[in-house]
PDB file of N, CA and C in Angstrom:
ATOM      1  N   UNK A   1     -14.494 -72.704  20.446  1.00  0.00           N
ATOM      2  CA  UNK A   1     -14.427 -73.364  21.187  1.00  0.00           C
ATOM      3  C   UNK A   1     -14.854 -74.431  20.113  1.00  0.00           C
ATOM      4  N   UNK A   2     -14.142 -75.514  20.309  1.00  0.00           N
ATOM      5  CA  UNK A   2     -14.295 -77.011  19.104  1.00  0.00           C
ATOM      6  C   UNK A   2     -15.486 -77.571  20.016  1.00  0.00           C
ATOM      7  N   UNK A   3     -16.308 -78.735  19.441  1.00  0.00           N
ATOM      8  CA  UNK A   3     -16.825 -79.253  19.588  1.00  0.00           C
ATOM      9  C   UNK A   3     -16.637 -80.563  18.578  1.00  0.00           C
ATOM     10  N   UNK A   4     -15.865 -81.590  19.540  1.00  0.00           N
ATOM     11  CA  UNK A   4     -16.096 -82.705  18.281  1.00  0.00           C
ATOM     12  C   UNK A   4     -17.308 -83.719  18.545  1.00  0.00           C
ATOM     13  N   UNK A   5     -17.930 -84.045  17.311  1.00  0.00           N
ATOM     14  CA  UNK A   5     -18.892 -85.037  17.163  1.00  0.00           C
ATOM     15  C   UNK A   5     -18.563 -86.281  17.051  1.00  0.00           C
ATOM     16  N   UNK A   6     -18.818 -87.051  17.871  1.00  0.00           N
ATOM     17  CA  UNK A   6     -18.938 -88.633  16.903  1.00  0.00           C
ATOM     18  C   UNK A   6     -20.242 -89.241  16.873  1.00  0.00           C
ATOM     19  N   UNK A   7     -20.437 -89.905  15.787  1.00  0.00           N
ATOM     20  CA  UNK A   7     -21.190 -90.238  14.958  1.00  0.00           C
ATOM     21  C   UNK A   7     -21.587 -91.791  14.649  1.00  0.00           C
ATOM     22  N   UNK A   8     -22.255 -91.625  14.099  1.00  0.00           N
ATOM     23  CA  UNK A   8     -22.445 -93.263  13.537  1.00  0.00           C
ATOM     24  C   UNK A   8     -22.979 -93.281  12.245  1.00  0.00           C
ATOM     25  N   UNK A   9     -22.918 -93.779  10.924  1.00  0.00           N
ATOM     26  CA  UNK A   9     -23.870 -93.855  10.401  1.00  0.00           C
ATOM     27  C   UNK A   9     -24.105 -94.978   9.477  1.00  0.00           C
ATOM     28  N   UNK A  10     -25.045 -95.629   9.043  1.00  0.00           N
ATOM     29  CA  UNK A  10     -25.486 -96.743   8.810  1.00  0.00           C
ATOM     30  C   UNK A  10     -25.432 -96.452   7.343  1.00  0.00           C
ATOM     31  N   UNK A  11     -24.062 -97.333   7.042  1.00  0.00           N
ATOM     32  CA  UNK A  11     -24.239 -97.690   5.293  1.00  0.00           C
ATOM     33  C   UNK A  11     -23.929 -98.703   5.071  1.00  0.00           C
ATOM     34  N   UNK A  12     -24.475 -99.720   4.151  1.00  0.00           N
ATOM     35  CA  UNK A  12     -25.035-100.702   4.214  1.00  0.00           C
ATOM     36  C   UNK A  12     -25.365-101.711   5.238  1.00  0.00           C
ATOM     37  N   UNK A  13     -24.626-102.824   5.766  1.00  0.00           N
ATOM     38  CA  UNK A  13     -25.396-103.560   6.934  1.00  0.00           C
ATOM     39  C   UNK A  13     -25.209-103.200   8.317  1.00  0.00           C
ATOM     40  N   UNK A  14     -24.074-102.318   8.223  1.00  0.00           N
ATOM     41  CA  UNK A  14     -23.282-101.928   9.923  1.00  0.00           C
ATOM     42  C   UNK A  14     -23.605-100.727   9.887  1.00  0.00           C
ATOM     43  N   UNK A  15     -23.261-100.264  10.855  1.00  0.00           N
ATOM     44  CA  UNK A  15     -22.959 -98.603  11.437  1.00  0.00           C
ATOM     45  C   UNK A  15     -21.324 -98.517  11.026  1.00  0.00           C
ATOM     46  N   UNK A  16     -21.350 -97.300  10.594  1.00  0.00           N
ATOM     47  CA  UNK A  16     -19.417 -97.158  10.668  1.00  0.00           C
ATOM     48  C   UNK A  16     -19.256 -95.846  11.411  1.00  0.00           C
ATOM     49  N   UNK A  17     -18.414 -95.536  12.240  1.00  0.00           N
ATOM     50  CA  UNK A  17     -18.312 -94.828  13.555  1.00  0.00           C
ATOM     51  C   UNK A  17     -17.675 -93.754  13.137  1.00  0.00           C
ATOM     52  N   UNK A  18     -17.597 -92.876  12.803  1.00  0.00           N
ATOM     53  CA  UNK A  18     -16.693 -90.929  12.457  1.00  0.00           C
ATOM     54  C   UNK A  18     -16.904 -89.667  13.449  1.00  0.00           C
ATOM     55  N   UNK A  19     -16.042 -88.950  12.893  1.00  0.00           N
ATOM     56  CA  UNK A  19     -15.919 -87.684  13.958  1.00  0.00           C
ATOM     57  C   UNK A  19     -16.498 -86.503  13.096  1.00  0.00           C
ATOM     58  N   UNK A  20     -16.818 -85.721  13.745  1.00  0.00           N
ATOM     59  CA  UNK A  20     -16.682 -84.311  13.131  1.00  0.00           C
ATOM     60  C   UNK A  20     -16.321 -83.346  14.064  1.00  0.00           C
ATOM     61  N   UNK A  21     -16.624 -82.143  13.212  1.00  0.00           N
ATOM     62  CA  UNK A  21     -16.059 -80.677  14.369  1.00  0.00           C
ATOM     63  C   UNK A  21     -16.455 -79.975  14.374  1.00  0.00           C
ATOM     64  N   UNK A  22     -17.028 -79.048  14.952  1.00  0.00           N
ATOM     65  CA  UNK A  22     -18.031 -78.165  15.103  1.00  0.00           C
ATOM     66  C   UNK A  22     -16.982 -76.808  16.130  1.00  0.00           C
ATOM     67  N   UNK A  23     -16.894 -75.978  15.149  1.00  0.00           N
ATOM     68  CA  UNK A  23     -16.135 -74.224  16.156  1.00  0.00           C
ATOM     69  C   UNK A  23     -17.712 -73.549  15.997  1.00  0.00           C
ATOM     70  N   UNK A  24     -17.657 -73.388  18.135  1.00  0.00           N
ATOM     71  CA  UNK A  24     -18.712 -72.732  18.772  1.00  0.00           C
ATOM     72  C   UNK A  24     -17.519 -71.610  19.185  1.00  0.00           C
ATOM     73  N   UNK A  25     -18.928 -70.713  19.464  1.00  0.00           N
ATOM     74  CA  UNK A  25     -18.444 -68.889  20.287  1.00  0.00           C
ATOM     75  C   UNK A  25     -18.507 -69.654  21.848  1.00  0.00           C
ATOM     76  N   UNK A  26     -18.418 -69.049  22.832  1.00  0.00           N
ATOM     77  CA  UNK A  26     -18.062 -68.960  24.422  1.00  0.00           C
ATOM     78  C   UNK A  26     -19.322 -69.368  25.058  1.00  0.00           C
ATOM     79  N   UNK A  27     -19.303 -70.387  25.927  1.00  0.00           N
ATOM     80  CA  UNK A  27     -20.787 -70.808  25.828  1.00  0.00           C
ATOM     81  C   UNK A  27     -22.161 -70.920  24.978  1.00  0.00           C
ATOM     82  N   UNK A  28     -21.434 -71.355  23.780  1.00  0.00           N
ATOM     83  CA  UNK A  28     -22.391 -71.568  23.129  1.00  0.00           C
ATOM     84  C   UNK A  28     -22.655 -73.068  22.763  1.00  0.00           C
ATOM     85  N   UNK A  29     -23.415 -73.354  22.791  1.00  0.00           N
ATOM     86  CA  UNK A  29     -24.553 -74.956  21.897  1.00  0.00           C
ATOM     87  C   UNK A  29     -24.488 -75.147  20.828  1.00  0.00           C
ATOM     88  N   UNK A  30     -23.992 -76.761  20.170  1.00  0.00           N
ATOM     89  CA  UNK A  30     -24.211 -76.587  18.754  1.00  0.00           C
ATOM     90  C   UNK A  30     -25.884 -77.002  19.179  1.00  0.00           C
ATOM     91  N   UNK A  31     -26.372 -76.762  17.481  1.00  0.00           N
ATOM     92  CA  UNK A  31     -27.225 -76.777  17.307  1.00  0.00           C
ATOM     93  C   UNK A  31     -28.215 -77.479  16.466  1.00  0.00           C
ATOM     94  N   UNK A  32     -29.223 -77.800  15.437  1.00  0.00           N
ATOM     95  CA  UNK A  32     -29.460 -78.317  14.565  1.00  0.00           C
ATOM     96  C   UNK A  32     -28.445 -78.195  13.260  1.00  0.00           C
ATOM     97  N   UNK A  33     -29.345 -76.526  13.431  1.00  0.00           N
ATOM     98  CA  UNK A  33     -28.527 -76.054  12.256  1.00  0.00           C
ATOM     99  C   UNK A  33     -27.112 -76.410  11.879  1.00  0.00           C
ATOM    100  N   UNK A  34     -25.711 -76.564  13.071  1.00  0.00           N
ATOM    101  CA  UNK A  34     -24.509 -76.872  12.765  1.00  0.00           C
ATOM    102  C   UNK A  34     -24.392 -77.657  12.285  1.00  0.00           C
ATOM    103  N   UNK A  35     -25.618 -78.965  13.131  1.00  0.00           N
ATOM    104  CA  UNK A  35     -25.568 -80.504  12.868  1.00  0.00           C
ATOM    105  C   UNK A  35     -25.146 -80.229  11.594  1.00  0.00           C
ATOM    106  N   UNK A  36     -26.201 -80.052  10.670  1.00  0.00           N
ATOM    107  CA  UNK A  36     -26.348 -80.045   9.350  1.00  0.00           C
ATOM    108  C   UNK A  36     -25.012 -79.784   8.623  1.00  0.00           C
ATOM    109  N   UNK A  37     -24.710 -78.361   8.369  1.00  0.00           N
ATOM    110  CA  UNK A  37     -24.187 -77.792   8.022  1.00  0.00           C
ATOM    111  C   UNK A  37     -22.811 -78.554   8.131  1.00  0.00           C
ATOM    112  N   UNK A  38     -22.185 -79.291   9.255  1.00  0.00           N
ATOM    113  CA  UNK A  38     -21.325 -80.243   9.657  1.00  0.00           C
ATOM    114  C   UNK A  38     -21.336 -81.415   8.609  1.00  0.00           C
ATOM    115  N   UNK A  39     -22.606 -81.987   8.986  1.00  0.00           N
ATOM    116  CA  UNK A  39     -22.673 -83.471   7.813  1.00  0.00           C
ATOM    117  C   UNK A  39     -22.961 -82.792   6.728  1.00  0.00           C
ATOM    118  N   UNK A  40     -23.120 -81.658   5.585  1.00  0.00           N
ATOM    119  CA  UNK A  40     -22.815 -81.087   4.236  1.00  0.00           C
ATOM    120  C   UNK A  40     -21.377 -81.031   3.797  1.00  0.00           C
ATOM    121  N   UNK A  41     -20.831 -80.496   5.047  1.00  0.00           N
ATOM    122  CA  UNK A  41     -19.149 -80.036   4.911  1.00  0.00           C
ATOM    123  C   UNK A  41     -18.676 -81.382   4.395  1.00  0.00           C
ATOM    124  N   UNK A  42     -19.529 -82.670   5.033  1.00  0.00           N
ATOM    125  CA  UNK A  42     -18.534 -83.947   5.185  1.00  0.00           C
ATOM    126  C   UNK A  42     -19.626 -84.923   3.604  1.00  0.00           C
ATOM    127  N   UNK A  43     -20.517 -84.133   3.223  1.00  0.00           N
ATOM    128  CA  UNK A  43     -21.036 -84.145   1.901  1.00  0.00           C
ATOM    129  C   UNK A  43     -22.011 -85.667   2.477  1.00  0.00           C
ATOM    130  N   UNK A  44     -22.908 -85.471   3.891  1.00  0.00           N
ATOM    131  CA  UNK A  44     -23.973 -85.740   4.117  1.00  0.00           C
ATOM    132  C   UNK A  44     -25.510 -85.056   3.901  1.00  0.00           C
ATOM    133  N   UNK A  45     -26.268 -84.845   2.861  1.00  0.00           N
ATOM    134  CA  UNK A  45     -26.970 -83.874   2.811  1.00  0.00           C
ATOM    135  C   UNK A  45     -28.196 -84.599   3.962  1.00  0.00           C
ATOM    136  N   UNK A  46     -28.304 -83.734   5.363  1.00  0.00           N
ATOM    137  CA  UNK A  46     -28.992 -84.761   6.058  1.00  0.00           C
ATOM    138  C   UNK A  46     -30.521 -84.132   6.281  1.00  0.00           C
ATOM    139  N   UNK A  47     -31.071 -84.334   7.292  1.00  0.00           N
ATOM    140  CA  UNK A  47     -32.264 -83.312   7.940  1.00  0.00           C
ATOM    141  C   UNK A  47     -32.436 -83.861   9.442  1.00  0.00           C
ATOM    142  N   UNK A  48     -32.989 -83.301  10.036  1.00  0.00           N
ATOM    143  CA  UNK A  48     -32.827 -83.708  11.104  1.00  0.00           C
ATOM    144  C   UNK A  48     -34.628 -84.565  11.533  1.00  0.00           C
ATOM    145  N   UNK A  49     -34.519 -85.564  11.865  1.00  0.00           N
ATOM    146  CA  UNK A  49     -35.486 -86.689  11.784  1.00  0.00           C
ATOM    147  C   UNK A  49     -36.353 -86.938  13.143  1.00  0.00           C
ATOM    148  N   UNK A  50     -35.222 -86.625  14.236  1.00  0.00           N
ATOM    149  CA  UNK A  50     -35.720 -87.249  15.942  1.00  0.00           C
ATOM    150  C   UNK A  50     -34.405 -86.505  16.216  1.00  0.00           C
ATOM    151  N   UNK A  51     -35.260 -85.290  17.580  1.00  0.00           N
ATOM    152  CA  UNK A  51     -34.293 -84.327  17.724  1.00  0.00           C
ATOM    153  C   UNK A  51     -33.492 -85.269  18.866  1.00  0.00           C
ATOM    154  N   UNK A  52     -34.650 -85.667  19.475  1.00  0.00           N
ATOM    155  CA  UNK A  52     -34.332 -86.301  20.824  1.00  0.00           C
ATOM    156  C   UNK A  52     -33.294 -87.819  20.788  1.00  0.00           C
ATOM    157  N   UNK A  53     -33.416 -88.078  19.492  1.00  0.00           N
ATOM    158  CA  UNK A  53     -32.376 -89.190  19.738  1.00  0.00           C
ATOM    159  C   UNK A  53     -30.871 -88.797  18.565  1.00  0.00           C
ATOM    160  N   UNK A  54     -31.240 -87.323  18.279  1.00  0.00           N
ATOM    161  CA  UNK A  54     -30.236 -87.077  17.440  1.00  0.00           C
ATOM    162  C   UNK A  54     -29.776 -87.467  15.991  1.00  0.00           C
ATOM    163  N   UNK A  55     -30.846 -87.988  15.430  1.00  0.00           N
ATOM    164  CA  UNK A  55     -31.296 -88.934  14.305  1.00  0.00           C
ATOM    165  C   UNK A  55     -31.122 -87.868  13.075  1.00  0.00           C
ATOM    166  N   UNK A  56     -30.406 -87.728  12.218  1.00  0.00           N
ATOM    167  CA  UNK A  56     -30.818 -87.395  11.012  1.00  0.00           C
ATOM    168  C   UNK A  56     -30.762 -88.439   9.981  1.00  0.00           C
ATOM    169  N   UNK A  57     -31.830 -87.895   9.027  1.00  0.00           N
ATOM    170  CA  UNK A  57     -32.086 -88.864   7.251  1.00  0.00           C
ATOM    171  C   UNK A  57     -31.349 -88.077   6.380  1.00  0.00           C
ATOM    172  N   UNK A  58     -31.239 -88.743   5.412  1.00  0.00           N
ATOM    173  CA  UNK A  58     -30.973 -88.232   4.088  1.00  0.00           C
ATOM    174  C   UNK A  58     -32.400 -87.220   3.639  1.00  0.00           C
ATOM    175  N   UNK A  59     -31.681 -86.864   2.861  1.00  0.00           N
ATOM    176  CA  UNK A  59     -32.623 -85.429   2.166  1.00  0.00           C
ATOM    177  C   UNK A  59     -33.162 -86.147   0.623  1.00  0.00           C
ATOM    178  N   UNK A  60     -32.078 -86.865  -0.121  1.00  0.00           N
ATOM    179  CA  UNK A  60     -32.435 -87.693  -1.073  1.00  0.00           C
ATOM    180  C   UNK A  60     -32.182 -89.301  -0.635  1.00  0.00           C
ATOM    181  N   UNK A  61     -33.544 -89.904  -1.280  1.00  0.00           N
ATOM    182  CA  UNK A  61     -33.526 -90.999  -1.176  1.00  0.00           C
ATOM    183  C   UNK A  61     -32.467 -91.645  -1.813  1.00  0.00           C
ATOM    184  N   UNK A  62     -31.867 -91.591  -3.089  1.00  0.00           N
ATOM    185  CA  UNK A  62     -31.178 -92.292  -3.383  1.00  0.00           C
ATOM    186  C   UNK A  62     -29.270 -92.679  -2.726  1.00  0.00           C
ATOM    187  N   UNK A  63     -29.714 -91.997  -1.945  1.00  0.00           N
ATOM    188  CA  UNK A  63     -28.571 -91.517  -0.665  1.00  0.00           C
ATOM    189  C   UNK A  63     -27.608 -92.448  -0.381  1.00  0.00           C
ATOM    190  N   UNK A  64     -26.402 -93.449  -0.198  1.00  0.00           N
ATOM    191  CA  UNK A  64     -25.606 -94.473   0.037  1.00  0.00           C
ATOM    192  C   UNK A  64     -25.764 -95.281   1.497  1.00  0.00           C
ATOM    193  N   UNK A  65     -26.557 -94.007   2.104  1.00  0.00           N
ATOM    194  CA  UNK A  65     -26.052 -94.263   3.944  1.00  0.00           C
ATOM    195  C   UNK A  65     -27.838 -94.075   4.026  1.00  0.00           C
ATOM    196  N   UNK A  66     -28.398 -95.208   5.200  1.00  0.00           N
ATOM    197  CA  UNK A  66     -29.944 -94.731   6.165  1.00  0.00           C
ATOM    198  C   UNK A  66     -30.110 -93.458   6.723  1.00  0.00           C
ATOM    199  N   UNK A  67     -29.088 -93.420   7.700  1.00  0.00           N
ATOM    200  CA  UNK A  67     -29.154 -92.807   9.134  1.00  0.00           C
ATOM    201  C   UNK A  67     -28.370 -91.915   9.349  1.00  0.00           C
ATOM    202  N   UNK A  68     -28.151 -91.005  10.389  1.00  0.00           N
ATOM    203  CA  UNK A  68     -26.627 -90.363  11.220  1.00  0.00           C
ATOM    204  C   UNK A  68     -27.107 -90.061  12.112  1.00  0.00           C
ATOM    205  N   UNK A  69     -26.834 -90.538  13.275  1.00  0.00           N
ATOM    206  CA  UNK A  69     -26.895 -90.541  14.745  1.00  0.00           C
ATOM    207  C   UNK A  69     -25.808 -89.901  16.055  1.00  0.00           C
ATOM    208  N   UNK A  70     -26.167 -89.075  16.041  1.00  0.00           N
ATOM    209  CA  UNK A  70     -25.167 -88.952  16.618  1.00  0.00           C
ATOM    210  C   UNK A  70     -24.905 -89.062  18.250  1.00  0.00           C
ATOM    211  N   UNK A  71     -23.868 -89.535  18.176  1.00  0.00           N
ATOM    212  CA  UNK A  71     -23.546 -90.355  19.920  1.00  0.00           C
ATOM    213  C   UNK A  71     -23.264 -89.961  20.965  1.00  0.00           C
ATOM    214  N   UNK A  72     -21.660 -88.712  20.936  1.00  0.00           N
ATOM    215  CA  UNK A  72     -21.515 -88.073  21.906  1.00  0.00           C
ATOM    216  C   UNK A  72     -21.216 -86.536  21.731  1.00  0.00           C
ATOM    217  N   UNK A  73     -21.150 -85.478  22.382  1.00  0.00           N
ATOM    218  CA  UNK A  73     -20.119 -84.464  22.376  1.00  0.00           C
ATOM    219  C   UNK A  73     -19.838 -83.916  23.065  1.00  0.00           C
ATOM    220  N   UNK A  74     -17.917 -83.893  22.273  1.00  0.00           N
ATOM    221  CA  UNK A  74     -16.897 -83.296  23.437  1.00  0.00           C
ATOM    222  C   UNK A  74     -16.518 -82.050  22.917  1.00  0.00           C
ATOM    223  N   UNK A  75     -16.936 -81.044  24.348  1.00  0.00           N
ATOM    224  CA  UNK A  75     -16.317 -80.049  24.423  1.00  0.00           C
ATOM    225  C   UNK A  75     -14.636 -79.906  24.700  1.00  0.00           C
ATOM    226  N   UNK A  76     -14.796 -80.875  25.585  1.00  0.00           N
ATOM    227  CA  UNK A  76     -13.410 -81.362  26.474  1.00  0.00           C
ATOM    228  C   UNK A  76     -13.557 -80.590  27.768  1.00  0.00           C
ATOM    229  N   UNK A  77     -14.826 -80.558  28.248  1.00  0.00           N
ATOM    230  CA  UNK A  77     -15.585 -80.054  29.275  1.00  0.00           C
ATOM    231  C   UNK A  77     -14.814 -81.316  30.576  1.00  0.00           C
ATOM    232  N   UNK A  78     -14.369 -81.619  31.408  1.00  0.00           N
ATOM    233  CA  UNK A  78     -14.472 -82.402  32.443  1.00  0.00           C
ATOM    234  C   UNK A  78     -15.823 -83.166  32.691  1.00  0.00           C
ATOM    235  N   UNK A  79     -15.868 -84.355  32.768  1.00  0.00           N
ATOM    236  CA  UNK A  79     -17.222 -85.029  32.067  1.00  0.00           C
ATOM    237  C   UNK A  79     -17.306 -85.276  34.112  1.00  0.00           C
ATOM    238  N   UNK A  80     -18.482 -85.726  34.771  1.00  0.00           N
ATOM    239  CA  UNK A  80     -18.968 -85.618  36.315  1.00  0.00           C
ATOM    240  C   UNK A  80     -19.125 -86.792  36.493  1.00  0.00           C
ATOM    241  N   UNK A  81     -18.387 -87.882  35.689  1.00  0.00           N
ATOM    242  CA  UNK A  81     -18.567 -89.435  35.633  1.00  0.00           C
ATOM    243  C   UNK A  81     -18.238 -90.007  36.940  1.00  0.00           C
ATOM    244  N   UNK A  82     -18.906 -91.163  37.961  1.00  0.00           N
ATOM    245  CA  UNK A  82     -18.493 -91.795  38.681  1.00  0.00           C
ATOM    246  C   UNK A  82     -17.465 -93.334  38.756  1.00  0.00           C
ATOM    247  N   UNK A  83     -16.754 -93.693  39.006  1.00  0.00           N
ATOM    248  CA  UNK A  83     -16.031 -94.617  38.500  1.00  0.00           C
ATOM    249  C   UNK A  83     -16.122 -95.410  39.416  1.00  0.00           C
ATOM    250  N   UNK A  84     -17.106 -96.809  39.159  1.00  0.00           N
ATOM    251  CA  UNK A  84     -17.376 -97.445  40.325  1.00  0.00           C
ATOM    252  C   UNK A  84     -16.390 -98.637  40.594  1.00  0.00           C
ATOM    253  N   UNK A  85     -15.441 -98.681  39.703  1.00  0.00           N
ATOM    254  CA  UNK A  85     -14.160 -99.526  40.303  1.00  0.00           C
ATOM    255  C   UNK A  85     -13.017 -99.049  40.685  1.00  0.00           C
ATOM    256  N   UNK A  86     -13.065 -97.391  40.794  1.00  0.00           N
ATOM    257  CA  UNK A  86     -12.191 -96.767  41.939  1.00  0.00           C
ATOM    258  C   UNK A  86     -12.528 -96.659  43.213  1.00  0.00           C
ATOM    259  N   UNK A  87     -13.713 -96.320  42.923  1.00  0.00           N
ATOM    260  CA  UNK A  87     -14.836 -96.581  44.257  1.00  0.00           C
ATOM    261  C   UNK A  87     -14.764 -97.855  45.113  1.00  0.00           C
ATOM    262  N   UNK A  88     -14.586 -98.719  44.298  1.00  0.00           N
ATOM    263  CA  UNK A  88     -14.794 -99.949  45.217  1.00  0.00           C
ATOM    264  C   UNK A  88     -13.314-100.375  45.368  1.00  0.00           C
ATOM    265  N   UNK A  89     -12.367-100.086  45.173  1.00  0.00           N
ATOM    266  CA  UNK A  89     -11.311-100.380  45.547  1.00  0.00           C
ATOM    267  C   UNK A  89     -10.886 -99.295  46.931  1.00  0.00           C
ATOM    268  N   UNK A  90     -11.258 -97.901  46.242  1.00  0.00           N
ATOM    269  CA  UNK A  90     -10.914 -97.583  48.077  1.00  0.00           C
ATOM    270  C   UNK A  90     -11.642 -97.816  48.826  1.00  0.00           C
ATOM    271  N   UNK A  91     -12.949 -98.067  48.914  1.00  0.00           N
ATOM    272  CA  UNK A  91     -14.204 -98.535  50.031  1.00  0.00           C
ATOM    273  C   UNK A  91     -13.301 -99.444  50.967  1.00  0.00           C
ATOM    274  N   UNK A  92     -12.240-100.759  49.670  1.00  0.00           N
ATOM    275  CA  UNK A  92     -11.842-101.887  50.554  1.00  0.00           C
ATOM    276  C   UNK A  92     -10.330-101.592  51.204  1.00  0.00           C
ATOM    277  N   UNK A  93     -10.035-100.186  50.885  1.00  0.00           N
ATOM    278  CA  UNK A  93      -8.387 -99.736  51.728  1.00  0.00           C
ATOM    279  C   UNK A  93      -9.109 -99.258  52.890  1.00  0.00           C
ATOM    280  N   UNK A  94     -10.172 -98.564  53.362  1.00  0.00           N
ATOM    281  CA  UNK A  94     -10.768 -97.836  54.287  1.00  0.00           C
ATOM    282  C   UNK A  94     -10.997 -98.783  55.232  1.00  0.00           C
ATOM    283  N   UNK A  95     -10.488 -98.597  56.451  1.00  0.00           N
ATOM    284  CA  UNK A  95     -11.056 -99.473  57.881  1.00  0.00           C
ATOM    285  C   UNK A  95     -12.168 -99.511  57.873  1.00  0.00           C
ATOM    286  N   UNK A  96     -12.940-100.922  58.384  1.00  0.00           N
ATOM    287  CA  UNK A  96     -13.739-101.072  58.598  1.00  0.00           C
ATOM    288  C   UNK A  96     -14.803-100.627  59.492  1.00  0.00           C
ATOM    289  N   UNK A  97     -14.297 -99.594  60.553  1.00  0.00           N
ATOM    290  CA  UNK A  97     -15.188 -99.233  61.663  1.00  0.00           C
ATOM    291  C   UNK A  97     -16.226 -98.283  61.314  1.00  0.00           C
ATOM    292  N   UNK A  98     -16.924 -97.802  61.832  1.00  0.00           N
ATOM    293  CA  UNK A  98     -18.224 -97.226  61.635  1.00  0.00           C
ATOM    294  C   UNK A  98     -18.680 -97.444  60.133  1.00  0.00           C
ATOM    295  N   UNK A  99     -18.953 -98.699  59.423  1.00  0.00           N
ATOM    296  CA  UNK A  99     -19.272 -98.883  58.108  1.00  0.00           C
ATOM    297  C   UNK A  99     -20.732 -99.680  59.030  1.00  0.00           C
ATOM    298  N   UNK A 100     -21.850 -99.337  58.558  1.00  0.00           N
ATOM    299  CA  UNK A 100     -23.117-100.500  58.410  1.00  0.00           C
ATOM    300  C   UNK A 100     -22.621-101.950  58.435  1.00  0.00           C
ATOM    301  N   UNK A 101     -23.471-102.723  59.227  1.00  0.00           N
ATOM    302  CA  UNK A 101     -23.559-104.318  58.519  1.00  0.00           C
ATOM    303  C   UNK A 101     -24.099-104.408  57.235  1.00  0.00           C
TER     304      UNK A 101
END
């Protein structure tokens, strides 16, 4: 299974939005080792600095970037997010009876 990793790299004065790819086995979740290897293949030698924030710092102080932060993991699975705009439209189309005032 493929996992697209959306991340940002703080270079110079503003973050740069990038993506990487990790190949996973069935029902496998990416971990620190997979992320570090993916970044190494892209030329970023990093170590995990904050596991909760998925924040990585360069191994070498002379690196041309300050940090890397993973923003999103996309495994192609359906996301169960609620669409508030769609809910509002549907609510306005439904008849008004049996609604609390």
